[in-house]
Amino acid sequence: MGLLAGRIAAAEALGRDLPPPTLTTSMGALVNHITGGAEAKTFQPMNVNFGLYPPLDDIRSGRRGRKDRYPAYTNRAKDDFRDWLAAQG
């Protein structure tokens, strides 16, 4: 998260816009949690966990168990974060 904060600060200093990573990535899910995805009255800081990710679509998850779901969350997060990094140049 420190690296992301540094990138955002650098982009701002250069007058550029840096969109946050998508919600399907660990950093994006945490950014969403701390910037409004959580109830302000009951907010608790937390580490990343699969409960912060949006649900998988039916094609990827179906009605599979945790053993199959967790790798699907992880693979989607890695692919989406790689795409986000590539889009930043």
PDB file of N, CA and C in Angstrom:
ATOM      1  N   MET A   1       0.831  -1.187   0.000  1.00  0.00           N
ATOM      2  CA  MET A   1       0.000   0.000   0.000  1.00  0.00           C
ATOM      3  C   MET A   1       0.877   1.253   0.000  1.00  0.00           C
ATOM      4  N   GLY A   2       2.051   1.172   0.616  1.00  0.00           N
ATOM      5  CA  GLY A   2       2.962   2.311   0.607  1.00  0.00           C
ATOM      6  C   GLY A   2       3.429   2.640  -0.796  1.00  0.00           C
ATOM      7  N   LEU A   3       3.696   1.609  -1.594  1.00  0.00           N
ATOM      8  CA  LEU A   3       4.106   1.831  -2.979  1.00  0.00           C
ATOM      9  C   LEU A   3       2.983   2.513  -3.758  1.00  0.00           C
ATOM     10  N   LEU A   4       1.757   2.074  -3.546  1.00  0.00           N
ATOM     11  CA  LEU A   4       0.615   2.692  -4.222  1.00  0.00           C
ATOM     12  C   LEU A   4       0.461   4.147  -3.789  1.00  0.00           C
ATOM     13  N   ALA A   5       0.589   4.418  -2.496  1.00  0.00           N
ATOM     14  CA  ALA A   5       0.500   5.802  -2.008  1.00  0.00           C
ATOM     15  C   ALA A   5       1.582   6.665  -2.641  1.00  0.00           C
ATOM     16  N   GLY A   6       2.799   6.123  -2.764  1.00  0.00           N
ATOM     17  CA  GLY A   6       3.887   6.861  -3.402  1.00  0.00           C
ATOM     18  C   GLY A   6       3.604   7.144  -4.861  1.00  0.00           C
ATOM     19  N   ARG A   7       3.074   6.166  -5.567  1.00  0.00           N
ATOM     20  CA  ARG A   7       2.739   6.365  -6.993  1.00  0.00           C
ATOM     21  C   ARG A   7       1.652   7.415  -7.154  1.00  0.00           C
ATOM     22  N   ILE A   8       0.660   7.396  -6.282  1.00  0.00           N
ATOM     23  CA  ILE A   8      -0.421   8.384  -6.352  1.00  0.00           C
ATOM     24  C   ILE A   8       0.124   9.777  -6.053  1.00  0.00           C
ATOM     25  N   ALA A   9       0.979   9.886  -5.031  1.00  0.00           N
ATOM     26  CA  ALA A   9       1.577  11.185  -4.688  1.00  0.00           C
ATOM     27  C   ALA A   9       2.442  11.707  -5.835  1.00  0.00           C
ATOM     28  N   ALA A  10       3.222  10.829  -6.449  1.00  0.00           N
ATOM     29  CA  ALA A  10       4.070  11.247  -7.571  1.00  0.00           C
ATOM     30  C   ALA A  10       3.224  11.696  -8.755  1.00  0.00           C
ATOM     31  N   ALA A  11       2.174  10.965  -9.047  1.00  0.00           N
ATOM     32  CA  ALA A  11       1.290  11.350 -10.162  1.00  0.00           C
ATOM     33  C   ALA A  11       0.663  12.706  -9.895  1.00  0.00           C
ATOM     34  N   GLU A  12       0.212  12.914  -8.664  1.00  0.00           N
ATOM     35  CA  GLU A  12      -0.393  14.198  -8.306  1.00  0.00           C
ATOM     36  C   GLU A  12       0.618  15.335  -8.445  1.00  0.00           C
ATOM     37  N   ALA A  13       1.847  15.114  -8.002  1.00  0.00           N
ATOM     38  CA  ALA A  13       2.889  16.143  -8.100  1.00  0.00           C
ATOM     39  C   ALA A  13       3.207  16.481  -9.552  1.00  0.00           C
ATOM     40  N   LEU A  14       3.038  15.499 -10.433  1.00  0.00           N
ATOM     41  CA  LEU A  14       3.294  15.716 -11.862  1.00  0.00           C
ATOM     42  C   LEU A  14       2.062  16.186 -12.617  1.00  0.00           C
ATOM     43  N   GLY A  15       0.965  16.388 -11.880  1.00  0.00           N
ATOM     44  CA  GLY A  15      -0.271  16.854 -12.500  1.00  0.00           C
ATOM     45  C   GLY A  15      -0.979  15.783 -13.307  1.00  0.00           C
ATOM     46  N   ARG A  16      -0.729  14.534 -12.978  1.00  0.00           N
ATOM     47  CA  ARG A  16      -1.354  13.413 -13.687  1.00  0.00           C
ATOM     48  C   ARG A  16      -2.397  12.745 -12.807  1.00  0.00           C
ATOM     49  N   ASP A  17      -3.264  12.009 -13.451  1.00  0.00           N
ATOM     50  CA  ASP A  17      -4.294  11.263 -12.733  1.00  0.00           C
ATOM     51  C   ASP A  17      -3.888   9.799 -12.701  1.00  0.00           C
ATOM     52  N   LEU A  18      -3.944   9.203 -11.551  1.00  0.00           N
ATOM     53  CA  LEU A  18      -3.646   7.782 -11.411  1.00  0.00           C
ATOM     54  C   LEU A  18      -4.877   7.114 -10.805  1.00  0.00           C
ATOM     55  N   PRO A  19      -5.636   6.406 -11.627  1.00  0.00           N
ATOM     56  CA  PRO A  19      -6.814   5.725 -11.076  1.00  0.00           C
ATOM     57  C   PRO A  19      -6.381   4.606 -10.141  1.00  0.00           C
ATOM     58  N   PRO A  20      -7.168   4.321  -9.129  1.00  0.00           N
ATOM     59  CA  PRO A  20      -6.803   3.218  -8.227  1.00  0.00           C
ATOM     60  C   PRO A  20      -6.929   1.882  -8.956  1.00  0.00           C
ATOM     61  N   PRO A  21      -6.258   0.860  -8.460  1.00  0.00           N
ATOM     62  CA  PRO A  21      -6.430  -0.476  -9.047  1.00  0.00           C
ATOM     63  C   PRO A  21      -7.886  -0.919  -8.916  1.00  0.00           C
ATOM     64  N   THR A  22      -8.290  -1.832  -9.765  1.00  0.00           N
ATOM     65  CA  THR A  22      -9.672  -2.306  -9.734  1.00  0.00           C
ATOM     66  C   THR A  22      -9.981  -3.027  -8.421  1.00  0.00           C
ATOM     67  N   LEU A  23     -11.248  -3.093  -8.099  1.00  0.00           N
ATOM     68  CA  LEU A  23     -11.696  -3.729  -6.850  1.00  0.00           C
ATOM     69  C   LEU A  23     -11.369  -5.209  -6.790  1.00  0.00           C
ATOM     70  N   THR A  24     -11.071  -5.805  -7.924  1.00  0.00           N
ATOM     71  CA  THR A  24     -10.771  -7.234  -7.955  1.00  0.00           C
ATOM     72  C   THR A  24      -9.335  -7.539  -7.557  1.00  0.00           C
ATOM     73  N   THR A  25      -8.540  -6.494  -7.301  1.00  0.00           N
ATOM     74  CA  THR A  25      -7.156  -6.690  -6.845  1.00  0.00           C
ATOM     75  C   THR A  25      -7.088  -6.430  -5.347  1.00  0.00           C
ATOM     76  N   SER A  26      -6.035  -6.922  -4.723  1.00  0.00           N
ATOM     77  CA  SER A  26      -5.881  -6.728  -3.276  1.00  0.00           C
ATOM     78  C   SER A  26      -5.781  -5.251  -2.922  1.00  0.00           C
ATOM     79  N   MET A  27      -4.945  -4.512  -3.651  1.00  0.00           N
ATOM     80  CA  MET A  27      -4.792  -3.083  -3.352  1.00  0.00           C
ATOM     81  C   MET A  27      -6.089  -2.327  -3.618  1.00  0.00           C
ATOM     82  N   GLY A  28      -6.756  -2.652  -4.714  1.00  0.00           N
ATOM     83  CA  GLY A  28      -8.020  -1.986  -5.031  1.00  0.00           C
ATOM     84  C   GLY A  28      -9.090  -2.273  -3.990  1.00  0.00           C
ATOM     85  N   ALA A  29      -9.145  -3.515  -3.529  1.00  0.00           N
ATOM     86  CA  ALA A  29     -10.132  -3.877  -2.504  1.00  0.00           C
ATOM     87  C   ALA A  29      -9.854  -3.143  -1.195  1.00  0.00           C
ATOM     88  N   LEU A  30      -8.583  -3.026  -0.818  1.00  0.00           N
ATOM     89  CA  LEU A  30      -8.232  -2.300   0.409  1.00  0.00           C
ATOM     90  C   LEU A  30      -8.501  -0.805   0.274  1.00  0.00           C
ATOM     91  N   VAL A  31      -8.154  -0.228  -0.879  1.00  0.00           N
ATOM     92  CA  VAL A  31      -8.443   1.196  -1.107  1.00  0.00           C
ATOM     93  C   VAL A  31      -9.941   1.441  -0.995  1.00  0.00           C
ATOM     94  N   ASN A  32     -10.733   0.574  -1.598  1.00  0.00           N
ATOM     95  CA  ASN A  32     -12.186   0.710  -1.514  1.00  0.00           C
ATOM     96  C   ASN A  32     -12.664   0.618  -0.069  1.00  0.00           C
ATOM     97  N   HIS A  33     -12.102  -0.305   0.678  1.00  0.00           N
ATOM     98  CA  HIS A  33     -12.511  -0.483   2.079  1.00  0.00           C
ATOM     99  C   HIS A  33     -12.223   0.767   2.911  1.00  0.00           C
ATOM    100  N   ILE A  34     -11.043   1.367   2.720  1.00  0.00           N
ATOM    101  CA  ILE A  34     -10.688   2.508   3.576  1.00  0.00           C
ATOM    102  C   ILE A  34     -11.230   3.836   3.073  1.00  0.00           C
ATOM    103  N   THR A  35     -11.728   3.885   1.835  1.00  0.00           N
ATOM    104  CA  THR A  35     -12.224   5.152   1.287  1.00  0.00           C
ATOM    105  C   THR A  35     -13.725   5.167   1.081  1.00  0.00           C
ATOM    106  N   GLY A  36     -14.425   4.290   1.723  1.00  0.00           N
ATOM    107  CA  GLY A  36     -15.871   4.368   1.632  1.00  0.00           C
ATOM    108  C   GLY A  36     -16.589   3.056   1.493  1.00  0.00           C
ATOM    109  N   GLY A  37     -15.862   1.970   1.295  1.00  0.00           N
ATOM    110  CA  GLY A  37     -16.518   0.682   1.157  1.00  0.00           C
ATOM    111  C   GLY A  37     -16.975   0.103   2.482  1.00  0.00           C
ATOM    112  N   ALA A  38     -16.518   0.688   3.568  1.00  0.00           N
ATOM    113  CA  ALA A  38     -16.887   0.205   4.902  1.00  0.00           C
ATOM    114  C   ALA A  38     -17.809   1.220   5.574  1.00  0.00           C
ATOM    115  N   GLU A  39     -18.569   0.752   6.512  1.00  0.00           N
ATOM    116  CA  GLU A  39     -19.458   1.614   7.284  1.00  0.00           C
ATOM    117  C   GLU A  39     -18.618   2.493   8.212  1.00  0.00           C
ATOM    118  N   ALA A  40     -18.744   3.818   8.085  1.00  0.00           N
ATOM    119  CA  ALA A  40     -17.907   4.752   8.850  1.00  0.00           C
ATOM    120  C   ALA A  40     -18.055   4.553  10.361  1.00  0.00           C
ATOM    121  N   LYS A  41     -19.260   4.270  10.789  1.00  0.00           N
ATOM    122  CA  LYS A  41     -19.527   4.137  12.221  1.00  0.00           C
ATOM    123  C   LYS A  41     -18.837   2.915  12.842  1.00  0.00           C
ATOM    124  N   THR A  42     -18.694   1.867  12.049  1.00  0.00           N
ATOM    125  CA  THR A  42     -18.138   0.625  12.575  1.00  0.00           C
ATOM    126  C   THR A  42     -16.823   0.246  11.894  1.00  0.00           C
ATOM    127  N   PHE A  43     -16.178   1.206  11.235  1.00  0.00           N
ATOM    128  CA  PHE A  43     -14.959   0.927  10.484  1.00  0.00           C
ATOM    129  C   PHE A  43     -13.885   0.306  11.362  1.00  0.00           C
ATOM    130  N   GLN A  44     -13.269  -0.741  10.848  1.00  0.00           N
ATOM    131  CA  GLN A  44     -12.131  -1.382  11.498  1.00  0.00           C
ATOM    132  C   GLN A  44     -11.058  -1.601  10.441  1.00  0.00           C
ATOM    133  N   PRO A  45      -9.825  -1.151  10.688  1.00  0.00           N
ATOM    134  CA  PRO A  45      -8.759  -1.459   9.732  1.00  0.00           C
ATOM    135  C   PRO A  45      -8.602  -2.971   9.626  1.00  0.00           C
ATOM    136  N   MET A  46      -8.193  -3.437   8.466  1.00  0.00           N
ATOM    137  CA  MET A  46      -8.006  -4.878   8.306  1.00  0.00           C
ATOM    138  C   MET A  46      -6.979  -5.172   7.236  1.00  0.00           C
ATOM    139  N   ASN A  47      -6.489  -6.365   7.281  1.00  0.00           N
ATOM    140  CA  ASN A  47      -5.627  -6.865   6.228  1.00  0.00           C
ATOM    141  C   ASN A  47      -6.506  -7.361   5.092  1.00  0.00           C
ATOM    142  N   VAL A  48      -5.895  -7.562   3.942  1.00  0.00           N
ATOM    143  CA  VAL A  48      -6.664  -8.051   2.811  1.00  0.00           C
ATOM    144  C   VAL A  48      -7.173  -9.457   3.109  1.00  0.00           C
ATOM    145  N   ASN A  49      -8.372  -9.730   2.628  1.00  0.00           N
ATOM    146  CA  ASN A  49      -8.950 -11.068   2.751  1.00  0.00           C
ATOM    147  C   ASN A  49      -9.940 -11.245   1.615  1.00  0.00           C
ATOM    148  N   PHE A  50     -10.293 -12.461   1.314  1.00  0.00           N
ATOM    149  CA  PHE A  50     -11.159 -12.738   0.172  1.00  0.00           C
ATOM    150  C   PHE A  50     -12.544 -12.122   0.323  1.00  0.00           C
ATOM    151  N   GLY A  51     -12.959 -11.802   1.528  1.00  0.00           N
ATOM    152  CA  GLY A  51     -14.255 -11.173   1.745  1.00  0.00           C
ATOM    153  C   GLY A  51     -14.329  -9.749   1.209  1.00  0.00           C
ATOM    154  N   LEU A  52     -13.190  -9.120   0.959  1.00  0.00           N
ATOM    155  CA  LEU A  52     -13.180  -7.764   0.394  1.00  0.00           C
ATOM    156  C   LEU A  52     -13.341  -7.760  -1.116  1.00  0.00           C
ATOM    157  N   TYR A  53     -13.066  -8.882  -1.754  1.00  0.00           N
ATOM    158  CA  TYR A  53     -13.175  -8.963  -3.211  1.00  0.00           C
ATOM    159  C   TYR A  53     -14.632  -9.046  -3.651  1.00  0.00           C
ATOM    160  N   PRO A  54     -14.943  -8.478  -4.824  1.00  0.00           N
ATOM    161  CA  PRO A  54     -16.280  -8.705  -5.365  1.00  0.00           C
ATOM    162  C   PRO A  54     -16.418 -10.187  -5.741  1.00  0.00           C
ATOM    163  N   PRO A  55     -17.646 -10.689  -5.760  1.00  0.00           N
ATOM    164  CA  PRO A  55     -17.836 -12.108  -6.083  1.00  0.00           C
ATOM    165  C   PRO A  55     -17.317 -12.442  -7.481  1.00  0.00           C
ATOM    166  N   LEU A  56     -16.956 -13.685  -7.664  1.00  0.00           N
ATOM    167  CA  LEU A  56     -16.563 -14.176  -8.979  1.00  0.00           C
ATOM    168  C   LEU A  56     -17.808 -14.360  -9.828  1.00  0.00           C
ATOM    169  N   ASP A  57     -17.645 -14.241 -11.129  1.00  0.00           N
ATOM    170  CA  ASP A  57     -18.796 -14.505 -11.985  1.00  0.00           C
ATOM    171  C   ASP A  57     -19.073 -15.999 -12.008  1.00  0.00           C
ATOM    172  N   ASP A  58     -20.232 -16.376 -12.475  1.00  0.00           N
ATOM    173  CA  ASP A  58     -20.648 -17.786 -12.423  1.00  0.00           C
ATOM    174  C   ASP A  58     -19.726 -18.699 -13.220  1.00  0.00           C
ATOM    175  N   ILE A  59     -19.153 -18.194 -14.294  1.00  0.00           N
ATOM    176  CA  ILE A  59     -18.297 -19.030 -15.124  1.00  0.00           C
ATOM    177  C   ILE A  59     -17.057 -19.451 -14.335  1.00  0.00           C
ATOM    178  N   ARG A  60     -16.495 -18.524 -13.579  1.00  0.00           N
ATOM    179  CA  ARG A  60     -15.270 -18.837 -12.835  1.00  0.00           C
ATOM    180  C   ARG A  60     -15.555 -19.582 -11.534  1.00  0.00           C
ATOM    181  N   SER A  61     -16.623 -19.237 -10.870  1.00  0.00           N
ATOM    182  CA  SER A  61     -16.818 -19.803  -9.535  1.00  0.00           C
ATOM    183  C   SER A  61     -17.835 -20.932  -9.499  1.00  0.00           C
ATOM    184  N   GLY A  62     -18.942 -20.767 -10.211  1.00  0.00           N
ATOM    185  CA  GLY A  62     -19.997 -21.766 -10.114  1.00  0.00           C
ATOM    186  C   GLY A  62     -20.382 -21.952  -8.665  1.00  0.00           C
ATOM    187  N   ARG A  63     -20.595 -23.167  -8.283  1.00  0.00           N
ATOM    188  CA  ARG A  63     -20.902 -23.473  -6.886  1.00  0.00           C
ATOM    189  C   ARG A  63     -19.752 -24.276  -6.294  1.00  0.00           C
ATOM    190  N   ARG A  64     -18.538 -23.875  -6.644  1.00  0.00           N
ATOM    191  CA  ARG A  64     -17.359 -24.585  -6.163  1.00  0.00           C
ATOM    192  C   ARG A  64     -17.075 -24.228  -4.708  1.00  0.00           C
ATOM    193  N   GLY A  65     -16.304 -25.077  -4.085  1.00  0.00           N
ATOM    194  CA  GLY A  65     -15.912 -24.854  -2.707  1.00  0.00           C
ATOM    195  C   GLY A  65     -14.729 -23.909  -2.613  1.00  0.00           C
ATOM    196  N   ARG A  66     -14.346 -23.633  -1.388  1.00  0.00           N
ATOM    197  CA  ARG A  66     -13.242 -22.727  -1.087  1.00  0.00           C
ATOM    198  C   ARG A  66     -11.957 -23.159  -1.786  1.00  0.00           C
ATOM    199  N   LYS A  67     -11.708 -24.422  -1.860  1.00  0.00           N
ATOM    200  CA  LYS A  67     -10.488 -24.955  -2.469  1.00  0.00           C
ATOM    201  C   LYS A  67     -10.355 -24.500  -3.932  1.00  0.00           C
ATOM    202  N   ASP A  68     -11.465 -24.357  -4.633  1.00  0.00           N
ATOM    203  CA  ASP A  68     -11.449 -23.911  -6.028  1.00  0.00           C
ATOM    204  C   ASP A  68     -11.648 -22.402  -6.154  1.00  0.00           C
ATOM    205  N   ARG A  69     -12.421 -21.833  -5.245  1.00  0.00           N
ATOM    206  CA  ARG A  69     -12.727 -20.397  -5.318  1.00  0.00           C
ATOM    207  C   ARG A  69     -11.505 -19.536  -5.048  1.00  0.00           C
ATOM    208  N   TYR A  70     -10.734 -19.867  -4.034  1.00  0.00           N
ATOM    209  CA  TYR A  70      -9.600 -19.022  -3.652  1.00  0.00           C
ATOM    210  C   TYR A  70      -8.562 -18.886  -4.769  1.00  0.00           C
ATOM    211  N   PRO A  71      -8.195 -19.975  -5.455  1.00  0.00           N
ATOM    212  CA  PRO A  71      -7.283 -19.790  -6.588  1.00  0.00           C
ATOM    213  C   PRO A  71      -7.912 -18.940  -7.706  1.00  0.00           C
ATOM    214  N   ALA A  72      -9.224 -19.046  -7.896  1.00  0.00           N
ATOM    215  CA  ALA A  72      -9.892 -18.236  -8.922  1.00  0.00           C
ATOM    216  C   ALA A  72      -9.834 -16.751  -8.550  1.00  0.00           C
ATOM    217  N   TYR A  73     -10.057 -16.415  -7.281  1.00  0.00           N
ATOM    218  CA  TYR A  73      -9.914 -15.024  -6.823  1.00  0.00           C
ATOM    219  C   TYR A  73      -8.482 -14.536  -7.057  1.00  0.00           C
ATOM    220  N   THR A  74      -7.519 -15.368  -6.684  1.00  0.00           N
ATOM    221  CA  THR A  74      -6.111 -15.002  -6.801  1.00  0.00           C
ATOM    222  C   THR A  74      -5.709 -14.789  -8.255  1.00  0.00           C
ATOM    223  N   ASN A  75      -6.102 -15.692  -9.134  1.00  0.00           N
ATOM    224  CA  ASN A  75      -5.752 -15.559 -10.549  1.00  0.00           C
ATOM    225  C   ASN A  75      -6.385 -14.318 -11.163  1.00  0.00           C
ATOM    226  N   ARG A  76      -7.657 -14.056 -10.818  1.00  0.00           N
ATOM    227  CA  ARG A  76      -8.313 -12.857 -11.337  1.00  0.00           C
ATOM    228  C   ARG A  76      -7.592 -11.605 -10.838  1.00  0.00           C
ATOM    229  N   ALA A  77      -7.214 -11.580  -9.566  1.00  0.00           N
ATOM    230  CA  ALA A  77      -6.529 -10.422  -8.993  1.00  0.00           C
ATOM    231  C   ALA A  77      -5.187 -10.187  -9.678  1.00  0.00           C
ATOM    232  N   LYS A  78      -4.417 -11.247  -9.891  1.00  0.00           N
ATOM    233  CA  LYS A  78      -3.115 -11.100 -10.544  1.00  0.00           C
ATOM    234  C   LYS A  78      -3.269 -10.588 -11.974  1.00  0.00           C
ATOM    235  N   ASP A  79      -4.220 -11.147 -12.721  1.00  0.00           N
ATOM    236  CA  ASP A  79      -4.442 -10.705 -14.105  1.00  0.00           C
ATOM    237  C   ASP A  79      -4.874  -9.243 -14.143  1.00  0.00           C
ATOM    238  N   ASP A  80      -5.809  -8.871 -13.280  1.00  0.00           N
ATOM    239  CA  ASP A  80      -6.328  -7.499 -13.282  1.00  0.00           C
ATOM    240  C   ASP A  80      -5.280  -6.495 -12.816  1.00  0.00           C
ATOM    241  N   PHE A  81      -4.443  -6.883 -11.841  1.00  0.00           N
ATOM    242  CA  PHE A  81      -3.396  -5.970 -11.383  1.00  0.00           C
ATOM    243  C   PHE A  81      -2.335  -5.799 -12.462  1.00  0.00           C
ATOM    244  N   ARG A  82      -1.982  -6.855 -13.141  1.00  0.00           N
ATOM    245  CA  ARG A  82      -1.031  -6.781 -14.251  1.00  0.00           C
ATOM    246  C   ARG A  82      -1.558  -5.838 -15.329  1.00  0.00           C
ATOM    247  N   ASP A  83      -2.857  -5.954 -15.657  1.00  0.00           N
ATOM    248  CA  ASP A  83      -3.473  -5.065 -16.653  1.00  0.00           C
ATOM    249  C   ASP A  83      -3.452  -3.618 -16.183  1.00  0.00           C
ATOM    250  N   TRP A  84      -3.724  -3.390 -14.891  1.00  0.00           N
ATOM    251  CA  TRP A  84      -3.716  -2.026 -14.348  1.00  0.00           C
ATOM    252  C   TRP A  84      -2.315  -1.428 -14.447  1.00  0.00           C
ATOM    253  N   LEU A  85      -1.307  -2.204 -14.075  1.00  0.00           N
ATOM    254  CA  LEU A  85       0.081  -1.722 -14.158  1.00  0.00           C
ATOM    255  C   LEU A  85       0.460  -1.378 -15.596  1.00  0.00           C
ATOM    256  N   ALA A  86       0.082  -2.242 -16.537  1.00  0.00           N
ATOM    257  CA  ALA A  86       0.411  -2.003 -17.943  1.00  0.00           C
ATOM    258  C   ALA A  86      -0.263  -0.734 -18.462  1.00  0.00           C
ATOM    259  N   ALA A  87      -1.460  -0.456 -17.989  1.00  0.00           N
ATOM    260  CA  ALA A  87      -2.195   0.729 -18.442  1.00  0.00           C
ATOM    261  C   ALA A  87      -1.560   2.028 -17.911  1.00  0.00           C
ATOM    262  N   GLN A  88      -0.755   1.912 -16.858  1.00  0.00           N
ATOM    263  CA  GLN A  88      -0.135   3.111 -16.272  1.00  0.00           C
ATOM    264  C   GLN A  88       1.133   3.514 -17.009  1.00  0.00           C
ATOM    265  N   GLY A  89       1.640   2.626 -17.841  1.00  0.00           N
ATOM    266  CA  GLY A  89       2.823   2.954 -18.651  1.00  0.00           C
ATOM    267  C   GLY A  89       4.120   2.778 -18.020  1.00  0.00           C
TER     268      GLY A  89
END
